[in-house]
């Protein structure tokens, strides 16, 4: 019995240590993040757990975070899953051991917020917005990234400064 309690305790500690808190944010909160000045380049990815291309490209965002060349890059993964699915998103993050910060956009009417993020956005995901935190220069890409493509795009964006 003692061994079972130890095992359960260790399991819970590991589970708590690997689970990431996910903030539910509104569009006004996201706009503040997009507009805030920073010395970093921001990479904001819009995705959902049910979106196969989003899931397929997720390892590229993790590789970008792990690459020391991109130390001056801040990554934010914005889930557009429904707020009632927050536990599903948490399980997704834990299962895939995501290290990047994840927030869930708690908005039900996409037509009311998409243009506030990017007027040219048709609404498809995955979509990624790069922002130079010093100049507010932006690059918006409504597409799935394939093998090493994200690093190439970010590198080119940084070098255009």
N, C-alpha and C. Protein backbone atom coordinates (compact mmCIF):
# COMPACT_ATOMS: atom_id res chain seq x y z
N UNK A 1 0.82 -1.19 0.00
CA UNK A 1 0.00 0.00 0.00
C UNK A 1 0.86 1.26 0.00
N UNK A 2 1.93 1.22 0.78
CA UNK A 2 2.84 2.36 0.88
C UNK A 2 3.46 2.68 -0.49
N UNK A 3 3.82 1.65 -1.24
CA UNK A 3 4.42 1.83 -2.57
C UNK A 3 3.42 2.45 -3.54
N UNK A 4 2.17 2.06 -3.43
CA UNK A 4 1.13 2.62 -4.29
C UNK A 4 0.97 4.11 -4.01
N UNK A 5 0.94 4.49 -2.76
CA UNK A 5 0.80 5.90 -2.40
C UNK A 5 1.99 6.71 -2.91
N UNK A 6 3.18 6.16 -2.80
CA UNK A 6 4.36 6.86 -3.31
C UNK A 6 4.25 7.03 -4.82
N UNK A 7 3.85 5.97 -5.52
CA UNK A 7 3.70 6.03 -6.97
C UNK A 7 2.67 7.09 -7.38
N UNK A 8 1.51 7.07 -6.72
CA UNK A 8 0.46 8.04 -7.02
C UNK A 8 0.96 9.46 -6.74
N UNK A 9 1.65 9.65 -5.64
CA UNK A 9 2.19 10.97 -5.31
C UNK A 9 3.18 11.46 -6.34
N UNK A 10 4.09 10.59 -6.77
CA UNK A 10 5.06 10.96 -7.81
C UNK A 10 4.36 11.28 -9.12
N UNK A 11 3.36 10.48 -9.48
CA UNK A 11 2.59 10.72 -10.70
C UNK A 11 1.96 12.11 -10.67
N UNK A 12 1.34 12.45 -9.54
CA UNK A 12 0.69 13.75 -9.42
C UNK A 12 1.70 14.89 -9.47
N UNK A 13 2.85 14.73 -8.85
CA UNK A 13 3.89 15.76 -8.89
C UNK A 13 4.38 15.96 -10.32
N UNK A 14 4.64 14.87 -11.01
CA UNK A 14 5.09 14.97 -12.41
C UNK A 14 4.01 15.61 -13.26
N UNK A 15 2.78 15.20 -13.07
CA UNK A 15 1.65 15.75 -13.83
C UNK A 15 1.51 17.25 -13.60
N UNK A 16 1.61 17.69 -12.36
CA UNK A 16 1.51 19.11 -12.03
C UNK A 16 2.69 19.87 -12.63
N UNK A 17 3.88 19.30 -12.56
CA UNK A 17 5.07 19.97 -13.07
C UNK A 17 5.05 20.12 -14.58
N UNK A 18 4.39 19.20 -15.29
CA UNK A 18 4.39 19.27 -16.74
C UNK A 18 3.17 19.99 -17.29
N UNK A 19 2.13 20.14 -16.51
CA UNK A 19 0.93 20.81 -16.99
C UNK A 19 1.17 22.32 -17.00
N UNK A 20 0.81 22.94 -18.10
CA UNK A 20 0.99 24.38 -18.25
C UNK A 20 -0.35 25.06 -17.97
N UNK A 21 -0.30 26.12 -17.17
CA UNK A 21 -1.51 26.90 -17.00
C UNK A 21 -1.81 27.62 -18.30
N UNK A 22 -3.05 27.65 -18.65
CA UNK A 22 -3.46 28.32 -19.88
C UNK A 22 -4.39 29.46 -19.51
N UNK A 23 -3.99 30.65 -19.86
CA UNK A 23 -4.83 31.80 -19.61
C UNK A 23 -5.90 31.88 -20.70
N UNK A 24 -7.12 32.14 -20.30
CA UNK A 24 -8.18 32.44 -21.24
C UNK A 24 -8.18 33.96 -21.40
N UNK A 25 -7.96 34.40 -22.62
CA UNK A 25 -7.85 35.84 -22.86
C UNK A 25 -8.92 36.30 -23.85
N UNK A 26 -9.24 37.56 -23.80
CA UNK A 26 -10.17 38.18 -24.73
C UNK A 26 -9.36 38.90 -25.80
N UNK A 27 -10.02 39.35 -26.83
CA UNK A 27 -9.32 40.02 -27.93
C UNK A 27 -8.61 41.29 -27.46
N UNK A 28 -9.18 42.00 -26.52
CA UNK A 28 -8.53 43.21 -25.99
C UNK A 28 -7.19 42.87 -25.34
N UNK A 29 -7.13 41.72 -24.64
CA UNK A 29 -5.87 41.27 -24.03
C UNK A 29 -4.85 40.94 -25.12
N UNK A 30 -5.31 40.26 -26.16
CA UNK A 30 -4.41 39.90 -27.25
C UNK A 30 -3.89 41.14 -27.96
N UNK A 31 -4.75 42.12 -28.16
CA UNK A 31 -4.32 43.37 -28.80
C UNK A 31 -3.21 44.05 -28.00
N UNK A 32 -3.30 44.02 -26.69
CA UNK A 32 -2.25 44.60 -25.84
C UNK A 32 -0.93 43.87 -26.07
N UNK A 33 -0.99 42.54 -26.16
CA UNK A 33 0.21 41.74 -26.40
C UNK A 33 0.80 42.09 -27.76
N UNK A 34 -0.04 42.22 -28.77
CA UNK A 34 0.43 42.53 -30.12
C UNK A 34 1.05 43.92 -30.21
N UNK A 35 0.54 44.85 -29.45
CA UNK A 35 0.97 46.24 -29.54
C UNK A 35 2.12 46.60 -28.60
N UNK A 36 2.38 45.79 -27.58
CA UNK A 36 3.40 46.17 -26.61
C UNK A 36 4.79 46.20 -27.24
N UNK A 37 5.54 47.21 -26.86
CA UNK A 37 6.91 47.37 -27.35
C UNK A 37 7.81 46.36 -26.67
N UNK A 38 8.81 45.90 -27.42
CA UNK A 38 9.71 44.89 -26.90
C UNK A 38 10.98 44.90 -27.74
N UNK A 39 12.05 44.41 -27.18
CA UNK A 39 13.30 44.25 -27.92
C UNK A 39 13.27 42.96 -28.75
N UNK A 40 12.24 42.17 -28.57
CA UNK A 40 12.17 40.87 -29.21
C UNK A 40 11.27 40.88 -30.44
N UNK A 41 11.46 39.89 -31.26
CA UNK A 41 10.54 39.61 -32.35
C UNK A 41 9.49 38.66 -31.80
N UNK A 42 8.24 38.98 -32.01
CA UNK A 42 7.15 38.14 -31.53
C UNK A 42 6.68 37.24 -32.67
N UNK A 43 6.49 35.98 -32.36
CA UNK A 43 5.92 35.03 -33.30
C UNK A 43 4.65 34.51 -32.66
N UNK A 44 3.51 34.89 -33.23
CA UNK A 44 2.22 34.52 -32.67
C UNK A 44 1.53 33.57 -33.64
N UNK A 45 1.28 32.35 -33.18
CA UNK A 45 0.67 31.34 -34.02
C UNK A 45 -0.76 31.07 -33.55
N UNK A 46 -1.69 31.09 -34.50
CA UNK A 46 -3.09 30.79 -34.23
C UNK A 46 -3.36 29.37 -34.69
N UNK A 47 -3.89 28.56 -33.78
CA UNK A 47 -4.03 27.13 -34.04
C UNK A 47 -5.20 26.57 -33.23
N UNK A 48 -5.49 25.29 -33.45
CA UNK A 48 -6.50 24.58 -32.66
C UNK A 48 -6.14 23.11 -32.60
N UNK A 49 -6.59 22.44 -31.57
CA UNK A 49 -6.28 21.02 -31.39
C UNK A 49 -6.91 20.17 -32.48
N UNK A 50 -8.01 20.61 -33.06
CA UNK A 50 -8.73 19.86 -34.09
C UNK A 50 -8.20 20.12 -35.50
N UNK A 51 -7.23 21.00 -35.64
CA UNK A 51 -6.69 21.40 -36.94
C UNK A 51 -5.45 20.57 -37.26
N UNK A 52 -5.55 19.62 -38.20
CA UNK A 52 -4.43 18.73 -38.51
C UNK A 52 -3.18 19.48 -38.97
N UNK A 53 -3.29 20.47 -39.87
CA UNK A 53 -2.08 21.21 -40.25
C UNK A 53 -1.44 21.96 -39.07
N UNK A 54 -2.28 22.45 -38.16
CA UNK A 54 -1.77 23.14 -36.97
C UNK A 54 -0.94 22.18 -36.11
N UNK A 55 -1.48 21.00 -35.90
CA UNK A 55 -0.81 19.99 -35.10
C UNK A 55 0.49 19.55 -35.79
N UNK A 56 0.43 19.41 -37.11
CA UNK A 56 1.60 18.96 -37.87
C UNK A 56 2.76 19.95 -37.78
N UNK A 57 2.47 21.25 -37.74
CA UNK A 57 3.54 22.24 -37.71
C UNK A 57 4.02 22.59 -36.31
N UNK A 58 3.32 22.14 -35.28
CA UNK A 58 3.65 22.49 -33.90
C UNK A 58 5.11 22.20 -33.54
N UNK A 59 5.70 21.07 -33.97
CA UNK A 59 7.11 20.82 -33.64
C UNK A 59 8.06 21.90 -34.15
N UNK A 60 7.69 22.60 -35.20
CA UNK A 60 8.56 23.67 -35.70
C UNK A 60 8.63 24.84 -34.73
N UNK A 61 7.53 25.13 -34.05
CA UNK A 61 7.53 26.21 -33.06
C UNK A 61 8.36 25.82 -31.84
N UNK A 62 8.31 24.53 -31.49
CA UNK A 62 9.12 24.04 -30.38
C UNK A 62 10.61 24.07 -30.76
N UNK A 63 10.93 23.71 -31.99
CA UNK A 63 12.33 23.74 -32.45
C UNK A 63 12.85 25.17 -32.50
N UNK A 64 11.99 26.11 -32.89
CA UNK A 64 12.38 27.52 -32.91
C UNK A 64 12.74 27.98 -31.51
N UNK A 65 11.94 27.60 -30.53
CA UNK A 65 12.20 27.98 -29.14
C UNK A 65 13.53 27.40 -28.66
N UNK A 66 13.82 26.18 -29.06
CA UNK A 66 15.03 25.49 -28.59
C UNK A 66 16.30 25.95 -29.29
N UNK A 67 16.16 26.62 -30.43
CA UNK A 67 17.32 27.04 -31.22
C UNK A 67 17.91 28.32 -30.63
N UNK A 68 19.15 28.26 -30.18
CA UNK A 68 19.81 29.42 -29.55
C UNK A 68 19.95 30.61 -30.50
N UNK A 69 19.93 30.37 -31.78
CA UNK A 69 20.00 31.46 -32.76
C UNK A 69 18.82 32.42 -32.60
N UNK A 70 17.71 31.91 -32.07
CA UNK A 70 16.50 32.71 -31.96
C UNK A 70 16.18 33.08 -30.51
N UNK A 71 17.21 33.38 -29.74
CA UNK A 71 17.03 33.77 -28.34
C UNK A 71 16.22 35.05 -28.20
N UNK A 72 16.27 35.89 -29.22
CA UNK A 72 15.57 37.17 -29.18
C UNK A 72 14.18 37.08 -29.81
N UNK A 73 13.62 35.88 -29.81
CA UNK A 73 12.29 35.64 -30.36
C UNK A 73 11.38 35.15 -29.24
N UNK A 74 10.21 35.73 -29.17
CA UNK A 74 9.20 35.36 -28.18
C UNK A 74 8.05 34.68 -28.92
N UNK A 75 7.71 33.47 -28.52
CA UNK A 75 6.67 32.70 -29.21
C UNK A 75 5.43 32.61 -28.33
N UNK A 76 4.28 32.85 -28.96
CA UNK A 76 3.00 32.72 -28.27
C UNK A 76 2.09 31.88 -29.16
N UNK A 77 1.57 30.80 -28.61
CA UNK A 77 0.65 29.93 -29.33
C UNK A 77 -0.76 30.27 -28.85
N UNK A 78 -1.58 30.79 -29.77
CA UNK A 78 -2.93 31.22 -29.43
C UNK A 78 -3.92 30.18 -29.93
N UNK A 79 -4.46 29.42 -28.99
CA UNK A 79 -5.45 28.41 -29.34
C UNK A 79 -6.79 29.10 -29.60
N UNK A 80 -7.45 28.67 -30.68
CA UNK A 80 -8.79 29.18 -30.97
C UNK A 80 -9.84 28.10 -30.71
N UNK A 81 -9.46 27.10 -29.90
CA UNK A 81 -10.44 26.12 -29.44
C UNK A 81 -11.47 26.85 -28.59
N UNK A 82 -12.62 26.22 -28.38
CA UNK A 82 -13.64 26.82 -27.53
C UNK A 82 -13.17 26.81 -26.07
N UNK A 83 -13.55 27.83 -25.32
CA UNK A 83 -13.13 27.96 -23.92
C UNK A 83 -13.52 26.73 -23.10
N UNK A 84 -14.66 26.12 -23.40
CA UNK A 84 -15.07 24.95 -22.63
C UNK A 84 -14.16 23.74 -22.89
N UNK A 85 -13.29 23.84 -23.91
CA UNK A 85 -12.34 22.76 -24.22
C UNK A 85 -10.95 23.01 -23.64
N UNK A 86 -10.84 23.87 -22.64
CA UNK A 86 -9.54 24.22 -22.08
C UNK A 86 -8.81 22.99 -21.53
N UNK A 87 -9.53 22.05 -20.95
CA UNK A 87 -8.88 20.85 -20.44
C UNK A 87 -8.32 20.00 -21.58
N UNK A 88 -9.01 19.97 -22.69
CA UNK A 88 -8.53 19.26 -23.88
C UNK A 88 -7.23 19.91 -24.37
N UNK A 89 -7.19 21.22 -24.37
CA UNK A 89 -5.98 21.94 -24.78
C UNK A 89 -4.83 21.64 -23.81
N UNK A 90 -5.13 21.62 -22.52
CA UNK A 90 -4.10 21.30 -21.53
C UNK A 90 -3.54 19.89 -21.75
N UNK A 91 -4.43 18.94 -22.02
CA UNK A 91 -3.97 17.57 -22.29
C UNK A 91 -3.10 17.52 -23.55
N UNK A 92 -3.48 18.28 -24.56
CA UNK A 92 -2.71 18.36 -25.80
C UNK A 92 -1.30 18.87 -25.51
N UNK A 93 -1.21 19.92 -24.74
CA UNK A 93 0.09 20.53 -24.40
C UNK A 93 0.95 19.55 -23.61
N UNK A 94 0.34 18.88 -22.64
CA UNK A 94 1.07 17.93 -21.81
C UNK A 94 1.55 16.74 -22.65
N UNK A 95 0.67 16.21 -23.46
CA UNK A 95 1.00 15.04 -24.28
C UNK A 95 2.16 15.34 -25.23
N UNK A 96 2.16 16.54 -25.79
CA UNK A 96 3.19 16.91 -26.77
C UNK A 96 4.37 17.65 -26.12
N UNK A 97 4.30 17.81 -24.80
CA UNK A 97 5.35 18.44 -24.01
C UNK A 97 5.76 19.81 -24.58
N UNK A 98 4.76 20.63 -24.87
CA UNK A 98 5.02 21.96 -25.43
C UNK A 98 5.67 22.86 -24.39
N UNK A 99 6.69 23.58 -24.80
CA UNK A 99 7.40 24.50 -23.91
C UNK A 99 6.99 25.95 -24.17
N UNK A 100 6.48 26.24 -25.36
CA UNK A 100 6.07 27.60 -25.67
C UNK A 100 4.83 27.98 -24.88
N UNK A 101 4.69 29.28 -24.63
CA UNK A 101 3.52 29.77 -23.90
C UNK A 101 2.28 29.60 -24.77
N UNK A 102 1.21 29.13 -24.13
CA UNK A 102 -0.07 28.91 -24.81
C UNK A 102 -1.15 29.70 -24.08
N UNK A 103 -1.98 30.39 -24.86
CA UNK A 103 -3.18 31.03 -24.33
C UNK A 103 -4.36 30.56 -25.18
N UNK A 104 -5.53 30.64 -24.61
CA UNK A 104 -6.74 30.29 -25.34
C UNK A 104 -7.56 31.55 -25.53
N UNK A 105 -7.84 31.88 -26.78
CA UNK A 105 -8.61 33.08 -27.08
C UNK A 105 -10.08 32.80 -26.82
N UNK A 106 -10.61 33.42 -25.80
CA UNK A 106 -11.98 33.18 -25.35
C UNK A 106 -12.93 34.13 -26.06
N UNK A 107 -13.11 33.88 -27.34
CA UNK A 107 -14.03 34.66 -28.17
C UNK A 107 -14.83 33.68 -29.01
N UNK A 108 -16.14 33.87 -29.09
CA UNK A 108 -16.97 32.92 -29.83
C UNK A 108 -17.28 33.36 -31.25
N UNK A 109 -17.18 34.65 -31.55
CA UNK A 109 -17.51 35.16 -32.88
C UNK A 109 -16.23 35.60 -33.58
N UNK A 110 -15.67 34.69 -34.39
CA UNK A 110 -14.41 34.98 -35.08
C UNK A 110 -14.51 36.23 -35.95
N UNK A 111 -15.67 36.47 -36.53
CA UNK A 111 -15.83 37.65 -37.38
C UNK A 111 -15.63 38.96 -36.62
N UNK A 112 -15.79 38.91 -35.31
CA UNK A 112 -15.64 40.14 -34.52
C UNK A 112 -14.19 40.43 -34.14
N UNK A 113 -13.28 39.45 -34.28
CA UNK A 113 -11.90 39.69 -33.83
C UNK A 113 -10.83 39.45 -34.89
N UNK A 114 -11.11 38.71 -35.93
CA UNK A 114 -10.08 38.39 -36.93
C UNK A 114 -9.47 39.66 -37.53
N UNK A 115 -10.30 40.60 -37.97
CA UNK A 115 -9.77 41.84 -38.56
C UNK A 115 -8.98 42.67 -37.56
N UNK A 116 -9.25 42.51 -36.28
CA UNK A 116 -8.51 43.25 -35.27
C UNK A 116 -7.10 42.69 -35.11
N UNK A 117 -6.90 41.42 -35.46
CA UNK A 117 -5.57 40.82 -35.44
C UNK A 117 -4.85 41.17 -36.73
N UNK A 118 -5.52 40.94 -37.86
CA UNK A 118 -4.92 41.19 -39.18
C UNK A 118 -6.03 41.36 -40.22
N UNK A 119 -6.15 42.56 -40.78
CA UNK A 119 -7.24 42.83 -41.74
C UNK A 119 -7.21 41.95 -42.99
N UNK A 120 -6.05 41.43 -43.37
CA UNK A 120 -5.97 40.59 -44.57
C UNK A 120 -6.27 39.12 -44.29
N UNK A 121 -6.47 38.77 -43.03
CA UNK A 121 -6.68 37.38 -42.64
C UNK A 121 -8.06 36.91 -43.06
N UNK A 122 -8.09 35.82 -43.82
CA UNK A 122 -9.35 35.23 -44.25
C UNK A 122 -10.01 34.37 -43.18
N UNK A 123 -9.27 34.07 -42.11
CA UNK A 123 -9.82 33.31 -41.00
C UNK A 123 -9.33 31.87 -40.91
N UNK A 124 -8.59 31.40 -41.92
CA UNK A 124 -8.09 30.02 -41.89
C UNK A 124 -6.95 29.89 -40.90
N UNK A 125 -6.82 28.69 -40.34
CA UNK A 125 -5.68 28.36 -39.49
C UNK A 125 -5.02 27.13 -40.07
N UNK A 126 -3.74 26.94 -39.84
CA UNK A 126 -2.88 27.77 -39.01
C UNK A 126 -2.57 29.11 -39.67
N UNK A 127 -2.31 30.07 -38.83
CA UNK A 127 -1.91 31.40 -39.27
C UNK A 127 -0.88 31.92 -38.27
N UNK A 128 0.11 32.64 -38.78
CA UNK A 128 1.20 33.11 -37.93
C UNK A 128 1.47 34.58 -38.21
N UNK A 129 1.63 35.33 -37.15
CA UNK A 129 1.94 36.75 -37.23
C UNK A 129 3.30 36.99 -36.60
N UNK A 130 4.20 37.62 -37.36
CA UNK A 130 5.51 38.02 -36.83
C UNK A 130 5.48 39.52 -36.64
N UNK A 131 5.97 39.97 -35.49
CA UNK A 131 5.97 41.40 -35.17
C UNK A 131 7.34 41.78 -34.64
N UNK A 132 7.94 42.80 -35.22
CA UNK A 132 9.15 43.39 -34.68
C UNK A 132 8.72 44.24 -33.50
N UNK A 133 9.09 43.86 -32.30
CA UNK A 133 8.64 44.54 -31.09
C UNK A 133 9.11 45.97 -30.95
N UNK A 134 10.14 46.35 -31.70
CA UNK A 134 10.64 47.73 -31.62
C UNK A 134 9.93 48.65 -32.62
N UNK A 135 9.69 48.16 -33.82
CA UNK A 135 9.16 49.02 -34.89
C UNK A 135 7.71 48.71 -35.23
N UNK A 136 7.18 47.61 -34.73
CA UNK A 136 5.83 47.13 -35.03
C UNK A 136 5.68 46.66 -36.48
N UNK A 137 6.81 46.46 -37.18
CA UNK A 137 6.75 45.89 -38.53
C UNK A 137 6.16 44.50 -38.42
N UNK A 138 5.28 44.14 -39.38
CA UNK A 138 4.56 42.87 -39.29
C UNK A 138 4.66 42.06 -40.57
N UNK A 139 4.56 40.76 -40.37
CA UNK A 139 4.45 39.82 -41.48
C UNK A 139 3.40 38.80 -41.07
N UNK A 140 2.37 38.65 -41.89
CA UNK A 140 1.30 37.71 -41.59
C UNK A 140 1.28 36.61 -42.64
N UNK A 141 1.23 35.36 -42.17
CA UNK A 141 1.23 34.21 -43.06
C UNK A 141 0.10 33.27 -42.68
N UNK A 142 -0.80 33.07 -43.61
CA UNK A 142 -1.95 32.20 -43.41
C UNK A 142 -1.65 30.88 -44.12
N UNK A 143 -0.84 30.04 -43.44
CA UNK A 143 -0.37 28.81 -44.07
C UNK A 143 0.22 27.87 -43.04
N UNK A 144 0.45 26.64 -43.46
CA UNK A 144 1.14 25.66 -42.64
C UNK A 144 2.62 25.69 -43.00
N UNK A 145 3.46 25.67 -41.98
CA UNK A 145 4.90 25.62 -42.20
C UNK A 145 5.33 24.16 -42.31
N UNK A 146 6.26 23.92 -43.24
CA UNK A 146 6.81 22.58 -43.42
C UNK A 146 8.28 22.60 -43.03
N UNK A 147 8.89 21.49 -42.98
CA UNK A 147 10.26 21.23 -42.53
C UNK A 147 11.20 22.44 -42.60
N UNK A 148 11.56 22.98 -41.45
CA UNK A 148 12.51 24.09 -41.28
C UNK A 148 12.07 25.41 -41.91
N UNK A 149 10.89 25.45 -42.48
CA UNK A 149 10.41 26.67 -43.15
C UNK A 149 10.19 27.82 -42.16
N UNK A 150 9.70 27.51 -40.97
CA UNK A 150 9.46 28.56 -39.98
C UNK A 150 10.76 29.26 -39.61
N UNK A 151 11.81 28.51 -39.35
CA UNK A 151 13.10 29.11 -39.00
C UNK A 151 13.59 30.01 -40.13
N UNK A 152 13.43 29.58 -41.37
CA UNK A 152 13.86 30.38 -42.52
C UNK A 152 13.08 31.69 -42.60
N UNK A 153 11.77 31.63 -42.39
CA UNK A 153 10.93 32.83 -42.43
C UNK A 153 11.31 33.79 -41.32
N UNK A 154 11.50 33.28 -40.10
CA UNK A 154 11.86 34.14 -38.96
C UNK A 154 13.24 34.74 -39.18
N UNK A 155 14.18 33.94 -39.65
CA UNK A 155 15.54 34.44 -39.92
C UNK A 155 15.50 35.59 -40.93
N UNK A 156 14.76 35.41 -42.00
CA UNK A 156 14.64 36.46 -43.04
C UNK A 156 13.98 37.71 -42.46
N UNK A 157 12.95 37.53 -41.64
CA UNK A 157 12.26 38.65 -41.02
C UNK A 157 13.20 39.44 -40.11
N UNK A 158 13.98 38.74 -39.32
CA UNK A 158 14.94 39.38 -38.41
C UNK A 158 16.01 40.14 -39.21
N UNK A 159 16.48 39.55 -40.27
CA UNK A 159 17.54 40.17 -41.06
C UNK A 159 17.08 41.38 -41.84
N UNK A 160 15.79 41.60 -41.96
CA UNK A 160 15.24 42.78 -42.66
C UNK A 160 15.18 43.99 -41.75
N UNK A 161 15.56 43.83 -40.49
CA UNK A 161 15.47 44.94 -39.53
C UNK A 161 16.37 46.09 -39.91
